[in-house]
Protein backbone atom coordinates (compact mmCIF):
# COMPACT_ATOMS: atom_id res chain seq x y z
CA MET A 1 -7.22 -12.84 -2.14
CA ALA A 2 -6.35 -9.65 0.21
CA ARG A 3 -8.53 -7.92 2.70
CA THR A 4 -7.11 -4.54 3.48
CA PRO A 5 -8.56 -1.60 5.17
CA PRO A 6 -10.20 0.97 2.34
CA GLU A 7 -8.21 4.05 1.11
CA SER A 8 -9.34 7.28 2.97
CA SER A 9 -11.10 8.83 -0.26
CA PRO A 10 -14.30 7.45 -1.47
CA GLY A 11 -15.76 8.78 -4.99
CA SER A 12 -15.49 8.51 -8.58
CA ARG A 13 -12.30 9.03 -10.07
CA PRO A 14 -9.48 7.91 -13.03
CA ALA A 15 -7.47 7.06 -9.44
CA ARG A 16 -3.42 7.68 -11.07
CA PRO A 17 -3.98 9.86 -14.20
CA GLY A 18 -1.60 9.73 -16.08
CA ALA A 19 0.16 7.04 -14.92
CA GLY A 20 0.43 5.18 -18.62
CA ARG A 21 -0.61 1.73 -19.28
CA GLN A 22 -1.68 1.24 -15.59
CA ASP A 23 -3.80 3.57 -14.86
CA ALA A 24 -6.37 2.75 -12.56
CA PHE A 25 -10.12 3.41 -13.32
CA SER A 26 -12.34 4.06 -10.00
CA GLU A 27 -16.50 3.79 -9.78
CA THR A 28 -17.78 4.06 -6.42
CA THR A 29 -22.12 2.93 -6.13
CA ARG A 30 -23.57 2.60 -3.12
CA GLY A 31 -20.55 2.82 -0.95
CA ILE A 32 -19.08 0.18 -2.72
CA ARG A 33 -15.96 0.95 -4.51
CA VAL A 34 -14.09 -0.99 -7.53
CA THR A 35 -11.18 0.06 -8.56
CA VAL A 36 -9.53 -1.77 -11.98
CA ARG A 37 -5.53 -1.65 -13.36
CA ALA A 38 -5.16 -3.50 -16.32
CA PHE A 39 -1.65 -4.85 -17.42
CA TYR A 40 -0.87 -6.24 -20.91
CA LEU A 41 0.90 -9.67 -20.59
CA ALA A 42 3.26 -9.81 -23.38
CA ASP A 43 4.83 -13.01 -22.26
CA GLN A 44 1.29 -14.98 -23.39
CA SER A 45 0.65 -12.95 -26.36
CA GLN A 46 1.34 -13.65 -30.03
CA PRO A 47 0.46 -10.05 -32.38
CA GLU A 48 1.47 -11.96 -35.22
CA ARG A 49 -1.39 -14.35 -34.85
CA GLY A 50 -4.16 -11.80 -33.03
CA HIS A 51 -3.48 -12.94 -29.67
CA HIS A 52 -3.37 -10.21 -27.06
CA VAL A 53 -3.85 -11.00 -23.14
CA TRP A 54 -4.36 -8.56 -20.71
CA ALA A 55 -4.38 -9.32 -16.91
CA TYR A 56 -6.24 -7.06 -14.62
CA ARG A 57 -6.73 -6.18 -11.01
CA VAL A 58 -9.53 -5.11 -9.38
CA THR A 59 -9.83 -4.14 -5.53
CA ILE A 60 -13.52 -3.66 -4.07
CA GLU A 61 -13.97 -1.82 -1.27
CA ASN A 62 -16.97 -1.50 0.91
CA LEU A 63 -17.13 2.69 2.02
CA GLY A 64 -20.64 1.50 3.34
CA THR A 65 -22.35 0.88 6.64
CA GLU A 66 -23.85 -2.67 5.72
CA THR A 67 -22.05 -6.05 5.18
CA VAL A 68 -22.32 -7.10 1.64
CA GLN A 69 -21.77 -10.15 -0.14
CA LEU A 70 -20.66 -10.68 -4.51
CA LEU A 71 -22.65 -13.46 -5.58
CA ARG A 72 -22.50 -12.79 -9.48
CA ARG A 73 -20.49 -10.66 -12.17
CA THR A 74 -21.28 -9.48 -15.83
CA TRP A 75 -18.75 -8.45 -18.08
CA HIS A 76 -18.83 -6.57 -21.11
CA ILE A 77 -16.02 -7.21 -23.35
CA THR A 78 -15.31 -5.14 -26.25
CA ASP A 79 -12.40 -5.64 -28.67
CA GLY A 80 -10.92 -3.24 -31.33
CA LEU A 81 -13.04 -3.68 -33.62
CA GLY A 82 -16.45 -2.67 -31.62
CA ARG A 83 -17.27 -6.48 -31.31
CA THR A 84 -18.60 -7.16 -27.54
CA GLN A 85 -18.85 -10.62 -25.68
CA THR A 86 -20.73 -10.52 -22.75
CA VAL A 87 -19.63 -13.23 -19.71
CA HIS A 88 -21.78 -14.12 -16.68
CA GLY A 89 -20.89 -16.00 -13.90
CA ALA A 90 -20.89 -16.63 -10.15
CA GLY A 91 -18.58 -15.22 -7.63
CA VAL A 92 -15.03 -13.47 -8.76
CA VAL A 93 -12.16 -16.38 -8.98
CA GLY A 94 -14.26 -19.14 -7.28
CA GLU A 95 -15.24 -16.90 -4.62
CA GLN A 96 -18.61 -15.04 -3.54
CA PRO A 97 -16.70 -12.47 -0.68
CA VAL A 98 -18.39 -11.15 2.28
CA LEU A 99 -17.24 -7.50 2.50
CA GLU A 100 -17.94 -5.95 6.25
CA PRO A 101 -17.71 -1.95 6.68
CA GLY A 102 -14.35 -1.16 5.79
CA GLU A 103 -13.18 -4.23 4.52
CA SER A 104 -11.63 -4.72 0.75
CA PHE A 105 -11.22 -7.64 -1.61
CA GLU A 106 -8.52 -7.92 -3.99
CA TYR A 107 -8.17 -10.40 -7.20
CA THR A 108 -6.62 -10.42 -10.50
CA SER A 109 -7.89 -12.55 -13.20
CA GLY A 110 -7.38 -12.28 -17.18
CA THR A 111 -8.75 -11.79 -20.65
CA PRO A 112 -7.41 -12.68 -24.39
CA LEU A 113 -8.23 -10.03 -27.36
CA PRO A 114 -8.03 -10.85 -31.17
CA THR A 115 -6.94 -7.28 -31.56
CA PRO A 116 -4.48 -5.21 -29.60
CA SER A 117 -6.86 -2.83 -28.15
CA GLY A 118 -10.16 -3.12 -26.49
CA PHE A 119 -12.45 -2.31 -22.90
CA MET A 120 -14.23 -3.73 -20.61
CA ARG A 121 -16.75 -2.77 -18.08
CA GLY A 122 -19.66 -4.80 -16.31
CA GLN A 123 -21.56 -5.22 -12.89
CA TYR A 124 -20.88 -7.06 -9.63
CA HIS A 125 -24.31 -8.22 -8.37
CA MET A 126 -24.56 -8.18 -4.70
CA VAL A 127 -26.35 -8.60 -1.71
CA VAL A 128 -27.14 -6.74 1.38
CA ILE A 129 -26.28 -9.52 4.46
CA GLY A 130 -28.93 -9.33 6.94
CA THR A 131 -31.86 -7.80 4.76
CA GLY A 132 -31.20 -10.03 1.83
CA GLU A 133 -31.65 -6.66 -0.65
CA ALA A 134 -30.26 -6.86 -4.22
CA PHE A 135 -28.03 -4.54 -6.10
CA ASP A 136 -25.79 -3.89 -8.66
CA VAL A 137 -21.85 -2.38 -8.71
CA THR A 138 -20.60 -0.95 -11.62
CA ILE A 139 -16.98 -2.15 -12.27
CA PRO A 140 -15.70 1.06 -14.20
CA ALA A 141 -14.66 0.92 -18.16
CA PHE A 142 -10.99 0.50 -18.69
CA SER A 143 -8.80 0.33 -21.24
CA LEU A 144 -7.41 -2.68 -22.94
CA ASP A 145 -4.31 -0.44 -25.03
CA SER A 146 -1.14 -3.30 -25.60
CA PRO A 147 1.75 -1.67 -27.30
CA HIS A 148 1.44 -2.72 -30.65
CA LEU A 149 -0.63 -0.21 -31.06
CA PRO A 150 0.80 2.19 -34.22
CA SER A 151 -0.73 5.22 -32.56
CA GLY A 152 -0.17 4.54 -29.04
CA ARG A 153 -3.08 4.59 -26.34
CA VAL A 154 -6.38 4.20 -28.07
CA HIS A 155 -8.94 4.21 -25.41
């Protein structure tokens, strides 16, 4: 976990176009910016057995004026054949971080797929501290493309 001041430029954007397999994908919902970078883990993957593993680093930045808490997450993980798995859970990496205005929270997690490509997207289910108002924050769709693709990047 790391808490750092947010970058100065708010908004939804691909953060680093043309950065190869470590592109960053960013989206801002209600003053909460989520940026994701995915990395193929060759040392944990076994392509010949249909086992591909990625790590992804997520940064959640509170660009707004209210203190918020991340309570739950929902992920939609789609493999290269279009099969989607939905995963729900409390918090992220065992935590339910509270973010005051200007704070950020960063974590790394991972996912396996049976195919050499896919993508993920989702939502963080959050609450405003003080009012109890619940709202959802979009986790932008991001590519999971391995070096084992016959023609390079798919997504």
